[in-house]
Amino acid sequence: MSLPRSTYDPRRVCLLPFPTLALAQHKRSIGVYTAGALFALGNWLFFDAAVLSAHAKPPPDAPHDTVPVHVSFVDWLPGILSIFGLLIVNLIDKERLIGDGGGFGEGGLVWRARLFLFMGFALMAGGLAGSVVRHRTTPFLVNTGIPLTELLHPYRPSSFSST
């Protein structure tokens, strides 16, 4: 069974059309507020985990064991970088970015505003990359007891069998 020609659009990918919402004029502000809420929620959860890990005690049945989770300063660095990047990006005046630099003294101001915007985005990207790298390497270094040289060079010729 085919669709009638009056409702057929050759650019459409799916057979069933997606519902259209009347939020087109508010799409940008909804995205901005959602991103801000997710960033605030992530910082709230991190600060909560940091406070809980600072006051964590070993289990009562094994008082000589180490505390399973402890948030160190290295864990704080990606969050600090992301917060600084967010502050830098939000403190830049948008009017300074739009200028073409044609007026007297405007060229240096536009250039500096764009440089600060780049630095803010670089700090946020560095915070994201640092959190992913820190998250991916922590279980290997702490839980397995594998030496760092084994992690850096896992495939040595002596580890292959000749059989």
Protein backbone atom coordinates (compact mmCIF):
# COMPACT_ATOMS: atom_id res chain seq x y z
CA MET A 1 0.00 0.00 0.00
CA SER A 2 1.47 3.33 -0.96
CA LEU A 3 0.89 6.81 0.35
CA PRO A 4 -1.28 9.20 -1.66
CA ARG A 5 0.71 11.60 -3.81
CA SER A 6 -0.68 14.70 -2.07
CA THR A 7 1.00 13.81 1.26
CA TYR A 8 4.17 12.30 -0.18
CA ASP A 9 7.40 14.26 0.26
CA PRO A 10 10.47 12.82 -1.51
CA ARG A 11 12.77 14.42 1.09
CA ARG A 12 11.18 12.46 3.93
CA VAL A 13 13.27 9.64 5.39
CA CYS A 14 10.73 7.84 7.58
CA LEU A 15 7.43 6.40 6.42
CA LEU A 16 5.54 7.87 9.36
CA PRO A 17 5.95 11.63 9.74
CA PHE A 18 7.37 13.04 12.94
CA PRO A 19 4.98 15.14 14.97
CA THR A 20 5.50 18.87 14.66
CA LEU A 21 5.51 20.92 17.83
CA ALA A 22 4.71 24.59 17.94
CA LEU A 23 7.93 25.40 19.80
CA ALA A 24 9.92 26.72 16.85
CA GLN A 25 10.28 30.24 18.25
CA HIS A 26 11.39 28.95 21.66
CA LYS A 27 13.70 26.18 20.43
CA ARG A 28 16.93 28.08 21.15
CA SER A 29 15.98 29.18 24.66
CA ILE A 30 14.75 25.68 25.54
CA GLY A 31 18.12 24.26 24.45
CA VAL A 32 20.05 26.89 26.41
CA TYR A 33 18.09 26.34 29.62
CA THR A 34 18.27 22.55 29.24
CA ALA A 35 22.05 22.69 28.79
CA GLY A 36 22.39 24.95 31.83
CA ALA A 37 20.21 22.66 33.92
CA LEU A 38 22.25 19.60 32.92
CA PHE A 39 25.51 21.42 33.71
CA ALA A 40 24.15 22.49 37.12
CA LEU A 41 22.89 18.96 37.84
CA GLY A 42 26.28 17.48 36.94
CA ASN A 43 28.11 19.92 39.22
CA TRP A 44 25.62 19.28 42.04
CA LEU A 45 26.12 15.52 41.78
CA PHE A 46 29.91 15.89 41.67
CA PHE A 47 30.00 18.16 44.73
CA ASP A 48 27.67 15.78 46.56
CA ALA A 49 29.95 12.82 45.71
CA ALA A 50 33.01 14.79 46.82
CA VAL A 51 31.45 15.66 50.18
CA LEU A 52 30.26 12.10 50.73
CA SER A 53 33.64 10.63 49.84
CA ALA A 54 35.41 13.02 52.21
CA HIS A 55 33.34 11.69 55.12
CA ALA A 56 33.30 8.04 54.01
CA LYS A 57 34.30 5.43 56.56
CA PRO A 58 35.28 1.79 55.98
CA PRO A 59 32.52 -0.79 56.33
CA PRO A 60 31.80 -1.82 59.96
CA ASP A 61 32.51 -5.50 59.29
CA ALA A 62 35.99 -4.68 57.91
CA PRO A 63 37.32 -1.62 59.77
CA HIS A 64 40.89 -2.04 58.46
CA ASP A 65 39.92 -1.90 54.79
CA THR A 66 40.45 1.24 52.79
CA VAL A 67 37.60 3.51 51.83
CA PRO A 68 36.37 2.35 48.42
CA VAL A 69 35.98 5.81 46.85
CA HIS A 70 37.88 8.99 47.53
CA VAL A 71 37.67 12.09 45.36
CA SER A 72 41.12 13.65 45.04
CA PHE A 73 42.21 16.96 43.54
CA VAL A 74 42.92 15.31 40.20
CA ASP A 75 39.22 14.44 40.02
CA TRP A 76 38.34 18.11 40.62
CA LEU A 77 40.45 19.47 37.72
CA PRO A 78 38.04 18.65 34.84
CA GLY A 79 35.15 20.25 36.73
CA ILE A 80 37.18 23.35 37.55
CA LEU A 81 38.25 23.71 33.89
CA SER A 82 34.65 23.33 32.72
CA ILE A 83 33.36 25.93 35.18
CA PHE A 84 36.06 28.44 34.19
CA GLY A 85 35.28 27.84 30.51
CA LEU A 86 31.56 28.30 31.13
CA LEU A 87 32.16 31.56 32.99
CA ILE A 88 34.47 32.92 30.28
CA VAL A 89 32.03 32.09 27.47
CA ASN A 90 29.06 33.58 29.31
CA LEU A 91 30.88 36.76 30.34
CA ILE A 92 31.79 37.76 26.77
CA ASP A 93 29.56 40.45 25.27
CA LYS A 94 27.97 39.14 22.06
CA GLU A 95 28.14 42.57 20.44
CA ARG A 96 31.95 42.41 20.60
CA LEU A 97 31.99 39.19 18.57
CA ILE A 98 29.85 40.51 15.75
CA GLY A 99 32.00 43.55 14.92
CA ASP A 100 34.08 43.51 11.78
CA GLY A 101 36.95 45.49 13.25
CA GLY A 102 36.59 48.44 10.85
CA GLY A 103 36.22 51.21 13.45
CA PHE A 104 38.98 53.04 15.30
CA GLY A 105 40.31 50.70 17.98
CA GLU A 106 37.64 48.09 17.26
CA GLY A 107 39.95 45.57 15.57
CA GLY A 108 41.85 44.70 18.71
CA LEU A 109 38.67 44.46 20.77
CA VAL A 110 36.96 42.05 18.38
CA TRP A 111 40.12 39.97 18.11
CA ARG A 112 40.47 39.76 21.91
CA ALA A 113 36.79 38.86 22.35
CA ARG A 114 37.13 36.03 19.85
CA LEU A 115 40.33 34.88 21.50
CA PHE A 116 38.63 34.76 24.91
CA LEU A 117 35.70 32.88 23.38
CA PHE A 118 38.12 30.34 21.93
CA MET A 119 39.90 30.01 25.29
CA GLY A 120 36.56 29.43 27.03
CA PHE A 121 35.57 26.70 24.60
CA ALA A 122 39.05 25.18 24.86
CA LEU A 123 38.74 25.07 28.65
CA MET A 124 35.34 23.38 28.41
CA ALA A 125 36.66 20.86 25.87
CA GLY A 126 39.70 20.22 28.08
CA GLY A 127 37.43 19.62 31.06
CA LEU A 128 35.33 17.16 29.08
CA ALA A 129 38.40 15.35 27.74
CA GLY A 130 39.99 15.26 31.18
CA SER A 131 36.89 13.77 32.76
CA VAL A 132 36.65 11.07 30.09
CA VAL A 133 40.37 10.20 30.35
CA ARG A 134 40.26 10.24 34.15
CA HIS A 135 37.17 8.05 34.16
CA ARG A 136 38.66 5.54 31.71
CA THR A 137 42.09 5.18 33.35
CA THR A 138 41.12 5.16 37.04
CA PRO A 139 39.76 1.58 37.19
CA PHE A 140 42.89 0.19 35.51
CA LEU A 141 45.31 1.99 37.79
CA VAL A 142 43.48 1.45 41.09
CA ASN A 143 41.57 -1.82 40.96
CA THR A 144 43.72 -4.17 38.87
CA GLY A 145 47.17 -3.45 40.24
CA ILE A 146 48.61 -3.54 36.72
CA PRO A 147 51.83 -1.53 36.46
CA LEU A 148 51.66 1.60 34.36
CA THR A 149 54.27 0.21 31.94
CA GLU A 150 51.90 -2.67 31.13
CA LEU A 151 49.13 -0.18 30.34
CA LEU A 152 51.33 1.91 28.10
CA HIS A 153 52.86 -1.04 26.23
CA PRO A 154 50.38 -3.94 26.43
CA TYR A 155 51.65 -5.80 23.36
CA ARG A 156 55.24 -6.79 23.77
CA PRO A 157 56.86 -9.45 21.60
CA SER A 158 57.40 -11.70 24.63
CA SER A 159 53.65 -11.78 25.37
CA PHE A 160 52.83 -13.55 22.08
CA SER A 161 52.98 -17.31 22.07
CA SER A 162 54.71 -19.11 19.21
CA THR A 163 52.45 -22.14 19.26
